[in-house]
Amino acid sequence: MRLHDHLPSGNGYKVRLLMAQLGIPFERIEYDITEGETRTPEFLENVNANGRIPVLETETGEFLPESNAILFYLAEGTPFLPDDRFDRAQALRWMFFEQYNHEPNIAVARAWLHVFHTEMTEERLGALEVKQKLGYDALGVMEEHLEGRLFFVGGRYSVADVALYAYTHVADEGGFDLEGFPAVSAWLERVSSQPGYIPITQG
């Protein structure tokens, strides 16, 4: 398999983390998104018409974009995807939450401040304040859910945890302080102690 990726990307990291924990060998192809390498005609035609990474290139030459779709694909038939029908739906619930409520705020704030080093104009600072407020709201939802729970779904580590861990554990790079989220902080430590764990800096 091949993973079309950008190393600082939390969305790419989710896939790398799960593949490492499943022991799946893969070739990683790096793109510099700051230089528009995922917006070239070749990339748009051959890899992902939406111009984004990560994209998983399967052994049969099929291309699968969208990080959480890739997680679901890789986790099929493994302990990372619950057997119970309702728990599987719960895993999807948290993966949708991650992409709709969590990633657009926490990851975007991190991208502006840490990845792209965006010039923080007065207008952008106002937008950042909104992103951080909504990001803290998402962290609050996670904190409430994790109180009294070890993991997000079914009492065990799953793709839901992988999806949410990626950007949460580097939230400080987007200006977020997790000191007021003890359940989230304890969960982060549990995830980082899982077998096969790799850091976001490892390709």
C-alpha atoms as a PDB file:
ATOM      1  CA  MET A   1       0.000   0.000   0.000  1.00  0.00           C
ATOM      2  CA  ARG A   2       0.978   3.627  -0.456  1.00  0.00           C
ATOM      3  CA  LEU A   3      -0.030   6.597   1.650  1.00  0.00           C
ATOM      4  CA  HIS A   4      -0.103   9.982  -0.031  1.00  0.00           C
ATOM      5  CA  ASP A   5       0.622  12.224   2.926  1.00  0.00           C
ATOM      6  CA  HIS A   6       2.006  15.403   4.511  1.00  0.00           C
ATOM      7  CA  LEU A   7       3.950  14.667   7.687  1.00  0.00           C
ATOM      8  CA  PRO A   8       2.587  17.486   9.920  1.00  0.00           C
ATOM      9  CA  SER A   9      -1.004  16.576   9.012  1.00  0.00           C
ATOM     10  CA  GLY A  10      -3.071  15.144  11.845  1.00  0.00           C
ATOM     11  CA  ASN A  11      -5.361  13.563   9.290  1.00  0.00           C
ATOM     12  CA  GLY A  12      -2.389  11.781   7.765  1.00  0.00           C
ATOM     13  CA  TYR A  13      -1.096  10.881  11.209  1.00  0.00           C
ATOM     14  CA  LYS A  14      -4.330   9.049  12.049  1.00  0.00           C
ATOM     15  CA  VAL A  15      -3.705   6.698   9.158  1.00  0.00           C
ATOM     16  CA  ARG A  16      -0.004   6.244   9.913  1.00  0.00           C
ATOM     17  CA  LEU A  17      -0.812   5.497  13.564  1.00  0.00           C
ATOM     18  CA  LEU A  18      -3.438   2.878  12.754  1.00  0.00           C
ATOM     19  CA  MET A  19      -1.267   1.227  10.102  1.00  0.00           C
ATOM     20  CA  ALA A  20       1.626   1.067  12.572  1.00  0.00           C
ATOM     21  CA  GLN A  21      -0.607  -0.449  15.234  1.00  0.00           C
ATOM     22  CA  LEU A  22      -1.999  -2.982  12.772  1.00  0.00           C
ATOM     23  CA  GLY A  23       1.492  -3.814  11.494  1.00  0.00           C
ATOM     24  CA  ILE A  24       0.619  -2.900   7.909  1.00  0.00           C
ATOM     25  CA  PRO A  25       3.690  -2.036   5.818  1.00  0.00           C
ATOM     26  CA  PHE A  26       3.294   0.896   3.461  1.00  0.00           C
ATOM     27  CA  GLU A  27       5.206   3.341   1.331  1.00  0.00           C
ATOM     28  CA  ARG A  28       4.675   6.981   2.250  1.00  0.00           C
ATOM     29  CA  ILE A  29       4.659   9.618  -0.478  1.00  0.00           C
ATOM     30  CA  GLU A  30       5.195  13.119   0.896  1.00  0.00           C
ATOM     31  CA  TYR A  31       3.577  16.255  -0.535  1.00  0.00           C
ATOM     32  CA  ASP A  32       4.339  19.810   0.505  1.00  0.00           C
ATOM     33  CA  ILE A  33       0.865  21.265   0.784  1.00  0.00           C
ATOM     34  CA  THR A  34       2.326  24.711   1.521  1.00  0.00           C
ATOM     35  CA  GLU A  35       3.702  24.660  -2.039  1.00  0.00           C
ATOM     36  CA  GLY A  36       0.437  23.496  -3.610  1.00  0.00           C
ATOM     37  CA  GLU A  37       1.699  20.014  -4.476  1.00  0.00           C
ATOM     38  CA  THR A  38      -1.762  18.505  -3.953  1.00  0.00           C
ATOM     39  CA  ARG A  39      -3.324  21.032  -6.331  1.00  0.00           C
ATOM     40  CA  THR A  40      -1.378  20.131  -9.443  1.00  0.00           C
ATOM     41  CA  PRO A  41      -3.260  18.797 -12.483  1.00  0.00           C
ATOM     42  CA  GLU A  42      -1.454  15.455 -12.077  1.00  0.00           C
ATOM     43  CA  PHE A  43      -2.491  15.057  -8.426  1.00  0.00           C
ATOM     44  CA  LEU A  44      -6.066  16.153  -9.108  1.00  0.00           C
ATOM     45  CA  GLU A  45      -6.412  13.759 -12.028  1.00  0.00           C
ATOM     46  CA  ASN A  46      -4.604  10.725 -10.633  1.00  0.00           C
ATOM     47  CA  VAL A  47      -4.804  10.846  -6.810  1.00  0.00           C
ATOM     48  CA  ASN A  48      -7.657  12.970  -5.450  1.00  0.00           C
ATOM     49  CA  ALA A  49      -9.846  15.370  -7.405  1.00  0.00           C
ATOM     50  CA  ASN A  50     -10.522  17.190  -4.115  1.00  0.00           C
ATOM     51  CA  GLY A  51      -6.856  18.148  -3.867  1.00  0.00           C
ATOM     52  CA  ARG A  52      -6.295  16.889  -0.322  1.00  0.00           C
ATOM     53  CA  ILE A  53      -4.275  14.334   1.578  1.00  0.00           C
ATOM     54  CA  PRO A  54      -4.197  11.741   3.018  1.00  0.00           C
ATOM     55  CA  VAL A  55      -5.090   9.304   0.262  1.00  0.00           C
ATOM     56  CA  LEU A  56      -4.594   5.570   0.628  1.00  0.00           C
ATOM     57  CA  GLU A  57      -3.509   3.782  -2.529  1.00  0.00           C
ATOM     58  CA  THR A  58      -4.483   0.148  -2.072  1.00  0.00           C
ATOM     59  CA  GLU A  59      -2.561  -2.887  -3.250  1.00  0.00           C
ATOM     60  CA  THR A  60      -4.978  -3.168  -6.175  1.00  0.00           C
ATOM     61  CA  GLY A  61      -4.336   0.427  -7.252  1.00  0.00           C
ATOM     62  CA  GLU A  62      -7.537   1.985  -5.927  1.00  0.00           C
ATOM     63  CA  PHE A  63      -7.390   5.443  -4.333  1.00  0.00           C
ATOM     64  CA  LEU A  64      -9.296   6.134  -1.105  1.00  0.00           C
ATOM     65  CA  PRO A  65      -9.305   9.718   0.217  1.00  0.00           C
ATOM     66  CA  GLU A  66     -10.729  11.070   3.514  1.00  0.00           C
ATOM     67  CA  SER A  67      -8.846  10.075   6.648  1.00  0.00           C
ATOM     68  CA  ASN A  68     -11.747   8.575   8.565  1.00  0.00           C
ATOM     69  CA  ALA A  69     -12.934   6.564   5.574  1.00  0.00           C
ATOM     70  CA  ILE A  70      -9.392   5.180   5.378  1.00  0.00           C
ATOM     71  CA  LEU A  71      -9.476   4.323   9.088  1.00  0.00           C
ATOM     72  CA  PHE A  72     -12.770   2.495   8.669  1.00  0.00           C
ATOM     73  CA  TYR A  73     -11.426   0.588   5.655  1.00  0.00           C
ATOM     74  CA  LEU A  74      -8.228  -0.465   7.427  1.00  0.00           C
ATOM     75  CA  ALA A  75      -9.992  -1.382  10.666  1.00  0.00           C
ATOM     76  CA  GLU A  76     -12.517  -3.718   9.020  1.00  0.00           C
ATOM     77  CA  GLY A  77     -12.190  -7.180  10.559  1.00  0.00           C
ATOM     78  CA  THR A  78      -9.778  -6.002  13.295  1.00  0.00           C
ATOM     79  CA  PRO A  79     -10.288  -5.243  17.014  1.00  0.00           C
ATOM     80  CA  PHE A  80     -10.156  -1.521  16.159  1.00  0.00           C
ATOM     81  CA  LEU A  81     -13.705  -1.704  14.791  1.00  0.00           C
ATOM     82  CA  PRO A  82     -16.354  -2.958  17.243  1.00  0.00           C
ATOM     83  CA  ASP A  83     -18.313  -6.092  16.373  1.00  0.00           C
ATOM     84  CA  ASP A  84     -21.491  -4.830  17.991  1.00  0.00           C
ATOM     85  CA  ARG A  85     -23.747  -2.993  15.529  1.00  0.00           C
ATOM     86  CA  PHE A  86     -24.570  -0.132  17.894  1.00  0.00           C
ATOM     87  CA  ASP A  87     -20.936   0.292  18.949  1.00  0.00           C
ATOM     88  CA  ARG A  88     -19.888   0.445  15.292  1.00  0.00           C
ATOM     89  CA  ALA A  89     -22.401   3.240  14.799  1.00  0.00           C
ATOM     90  CA  GLN A  90     -21.024   4.942  17.912  1.00  0.00           C
ATOM     91  CA  ALA A  91     -17.522   4.761  16.443  1.00  0.00           C
ATOM     92  CA  LEU A  92     -18.828   6.450  13.310  1.00  0.00           C
ATOM     93  CA  ARG A  93     -20.631   9.019  15.444  1.00  0.00           C
ATOM     94  CA  TRP A  94     -17.353  10.126  17.032  1.00  0.00           C
ATOM     95  CA  MET A  95     -15.530  10.058  13.710  1.00  0.00           C
ATOM     96  CA  PHE A  96     -18.196  12.345  12.216  1.00  0.00           C
ATOM     97  CA  PHE A  97     -17.965  14.568  15.314  1.00  0.00           C
ATOM     98  CA  GLU A  98     -14.205  14.748  14.831  1.00  0.00           C
ATOM     99  CA  GLN A  99     -14.511  15.956  11.246  1.00  0.00           C
ATOM    100  CA  TYR A 100     -17.445  18.316  11.802  1.00  0.00           C
ATOM    101  CA  ASN A 101     -16.924  19.844  15.259  1.00  0.00           C
ATOM    102  CA  HIS A 102     -13.352  19.089  16.273  1.00  0.00           C
ATOM    103  CA  GLU A 103     -11.015  19.173  13.272  1.00  0.00           C
ATOM    104  CA  PRO A 104     -12.383  22.350  11.608  1.00  0.00           C
ATOM    105  CA  ASN A 105     -11.575  24.296  14.766  1.00  0.00           C
ATOM    106  CA  ILE A 106      -8.682  22.673  16.617  1.00  0.00           C
ATOM    107  CA  ALA A 107      -6.788  21.607  13.498  1.00  0.00           C
ATOM    108  CA  VAL A 108      -7.352  24.897  11.679  1.00  0.00           C
ATOM    109  CA  ALA A 109      -6.116  26.934  14.652  1.00  0.00           C
ATOM    110  CA  ARG A 110      -3.017  24.698  14.753  1.00  0.00           C
ATOM    111  CA  ALA A 111      -2.495  25.087  11.008  1.00  0.00           C
ATOM    112  CA  TRP A 112      -2.615  28.875  11.234  1.00  0.00           C
ATOM    113  CA  LEU A 113      -0.307  29.151  14.238  1.00  0.00           C
ATOM    114  CA  HIS A 114       2.048  26.191  13.824  1.00  0.00           C
ATOM    115  CA  VAL A 115       2.019  24.654  10.334  1.00  0.00           C
ATOM    116  CA  PHE A 116       1.566  27.553   7.937  1.00  0.00           C
ATOM    117  CA  HIS A 117       2.633  30.353  10.335  1.00  0.00           C
ATOM    118  CA  THR A 118      -0.181  32.454   8.905  1.00  0.00           C
ATOM    119  CA  GLU A 119       0.100  36.221   9.271  1.00  0.00           C
ATOM    120  CA  MET A 120      -2.316  37.018  12.084  1.00  0.00           C
ATOM    121  CA  THR A 121      -4.081  40.127  10.866  1.00  0.00           C
ATOM    122  CA  GLU A 122      -6.787  41.687  12.997  1.00  0.00           C
ATOM    123  CA  GLU A 123      -9.413  39.878  10.920  1.00  0.00           C
ATOM    124  CA  ARG A 124      -7.591  36.546  11.255  1.00  0.00           C
ATOM    125  CA  LEU A 125      -7.207  37.031  15.013  1.00  0.00           C
ATOM    126  CA  GLY A 126     -10.960  37.451  15.232  1.00  0.00           C
ATOM    127  CA  ALA A 127     -11.465  34.251  13.247  1.00  0.00           C
ATOM    128  CA  LEU A 128      -8.947  32.465  15.476  1.00  0.00           C
ATOM    129  CA  GLU A 129     -10.880  33.502  18.564  1.00  0.00           C
ATOM    130  CA  VAL A 130     -14.009  31.907  17.101  1.00  0.00           C
ATOM    131  CA  LYS A 131     -12.114  28.740  16.149  1.00  0.00           C
ATOM    132  CA  GLN A 132     -10.678  28.443  19.649  1.00  0.00           C
ATOM    133  CA  LYS A 133     -14.062  28.978  21.287  1.00  0.00           C
ATOM    134  CA  LEU A 134     -15.631  26.259  19.150  1.00  0.00           C
ATOM    135  CA  GLY A 135     -12.599  24.025  19.711  1.00  0.00           C
ATOM    136  CA  TYR A 136     -12.990  24.348  23.472  1.00  0.00           C
ATOM    137  CA  ASP A 137     -16.682  23.480  23.049  1.00  0.00           C
ATOM    138  CA  ALA A 138     -15.660  20.263  21.260  1.00  0.00           C
ATOM    139  CA  LEU A 139     -13.142  19.449  23.986  1.00  0.00           C
ATOM    140  CA  GLY A 140     -15.901  19.981  26.528  1.00  0.00           C
ATOM    141  CA  VAL A 141     -18.080  17.394  24.794  1.00  0.00           C
ATOM    142  CA  MET A 142     -15.166  14.957  24.850  1.00  0.00           C
ATOM    143  CA  GLU A 143     -14.413  15.672  28.503  1.00  0.00           C
ATOM    144  CA  GLU A 144     -17.993  14.999  29.570  1.00  0.00           C
ATOM    145  CA  HIS A 145     -18.113  11.751  27.595  1.00  0.00           C
ATOM    146  CA  LEU A 146     -14.780  10.496  28.917  1.00  0.00           C
ATOM    147  CA  GLU A 147     -15.584  11.075  32.581  1.00  0.00           C
ATOM    148  CA  GLY A 148     -15.779   7.551  33.968  1.00  0.00           C
ATOM    149  CA  ARG A 149     -14.757   5.983  30.643  1.00  0.00           C
ATOM    150  CA  LEU A 150     -11.395   4.696  29.438  1.00  0.00           C
ATOM    151  CA  PHE A 151     -12.087   5.107  25.722  1.00  0.00           C
ATOM    152  CA  PHE A 152     -14.786   6.538  23.476  1.00  0.00           C
ATOM    153  CA  VAL A 153     -16.658   3.394  22.462  1.00  0.00           C
ATOM    154  CA  GLY A 154     -17.379   0.114  24.193  1.00  0.00           C
ATOM    155  CA  GLY A 155     -14.718   0.465  26.872  1.00  0.00           C
ATOM    156  CA  ARG A 156     -11.885  -0.345  24.473  1.00  0.00           C
ATOM    157  CA  TYR A 157      -9.455   1.392  22.155  1.00  0.00           C
ATOM    158  CA  SER A 158     -10.899   1.813  18.652  1.00  0.00           C
ATOM    159  CA  VAL A 159     -10.794   3.877  15.480  1.00  0.00           C
ATOM    160  CA  ALA A 160     -12.854   6.508  17.306  1.00  0.00           C
ATOM    161  CA  ASP A 161      -9.919   7.098  19.638  1.00  0.00           C
ATOM    162  CA  VAL A 162      -7.430   7.142  16.778  1.00  0.00           C
ATOM    163  CA  ALA A 163      -9.515   9.734  14.919  1.00  0.00           C
ATOM    164  CA  LEU A 164      -9.876  12.048  17.902  1.00  0.00           C
ATOM    165  CA  TYR A 165      -6.372  11.623  19.263  1.00  0.00           C
ATOM    166  CA  ALA A 166      -4.574  12.975  16.207  1.00  0.00           C
ATOM    167  CA  TYR A 167      -5.383  16.652  16.605  1.00  0.00           C
ATOM    168  CA  THR A 168      -6.239  16.621  20.316  1.00  0.00           C
ATOM    169  CA  HIS A 169      -2.739  15.649  21.406  1.00  0.00           C
ATOM    170  CA  VAL A 170      -1.244  18.628  19.536  1.00  0.00           C
ATOM    171  CA  ALA A 171      -4.034  21.058  20.438  1.00  0.00           C
ATOM    172  CA  ASP A 172      -1.535  23.209  22.336  1.00  0.00           C
ATOM    173  CA  GLU A 173       0.009  24.075  18.960  1.00  0.00           C
ATOM    174  CA  GLY A 174      -3.286  25.779  18.157  1.00  0.00           C
ATOM    175  CA  GLY A 175      -3.288  27.747  21.397  1.00  0.00           C
ATOM    176  CA  PHE A 176      -5.460  25.355  23.417  1.00  0.00           C
ATOM    177  CA  ASP A 177      -4.782  24.677  27.098  1.00  0.00           C
ATOM    178  CA  LEU A 178      -5.891  21.188  28.174  1.00  0.00           C
ATOM    179  CA  GLU A 179      -5.281  21.782  31.881  1.00  0.00           C
ATOM    180  CA  GLY A 180      -9.011  22.133  32.474  1.00  0.00           C
ATOM    181  CA  PHE A 181      -9.748  18.792  30.765  1.00  0.00           C
ATOM    182  CA  PRO A 182      -8.425  16.073  33.119  1.00  0.00           C
ATOM    183  CA  ALA A 183     -10.430  13.227  31.555  1.00  0.00           C
ATOM    184  CA  VAL A 184      -9.193  14.149  28.085  1.00  0.00           C
ATOM    185  CA  SER A 185      -5.619  14.433  29.361  1.00  0.00           C
ATOM    186  CA  ALA A 186      -5.793  10.999  31.023  1.00  0.00           C
ATOM    187  CA  TRP A 187      -7.251   9.525  27.822  1.00  0.00           C
ATOM    188  CA  LEU A 188      -4.386  11.015  25.789  1.00  0.00           C
ATOM    189  CA  GLU A 189      -1.928   9.173  28.031  1.00  0.00           C
ATOM    190  CA  ARG A 190      -3.840   5.910  27.594  1.00  0.00           C
ATOM    191  CA  VAL A 191      -3.764   6.253  23.825  1.00  0.00           C
ATOM    192  CA  SER A 192      -0.039   7.050  23.741  1.00  0.00           C
ATOM    193  CA  SER A 193       0.653   3.906  25.774  1.00  0.00           C
ATOM    194  CA  GLN A 194      -1.058   1.587  23.277  1.00  0.00           C
ATOM    195  CA  PRO A 195       1.071  -1.072  21.528  1.00  0.00           C
ATOM    196  CA  GLY A 196       2.555   0.070  18.242  1.00  0.00           C
ATOM    197  CA  TYR A 197       2.165   3.766  19.065  1.00  0.00           C
ATOM    198  CA  ILE A 198       4.175   6.203  16.954  1.00  0.00           C
ATOM    199  CA  PRO A 199       4.504   9.986  17.314  1.00  0.00           C
ATOM    200  CA  ILE A 200       3.127  12.404  14.745  1.00  0.00           C
ATOM    201  CA  THR A 201       6.674  13.253  13.658  1.00  0.00           C
ATOM    202  CA  GLN A 202       7.324   9.664  12.511  1.00  0.00           C
ATOM    203  CA  GLY A 203       6.677   8.883   8.874  1.00  0.00           C
END
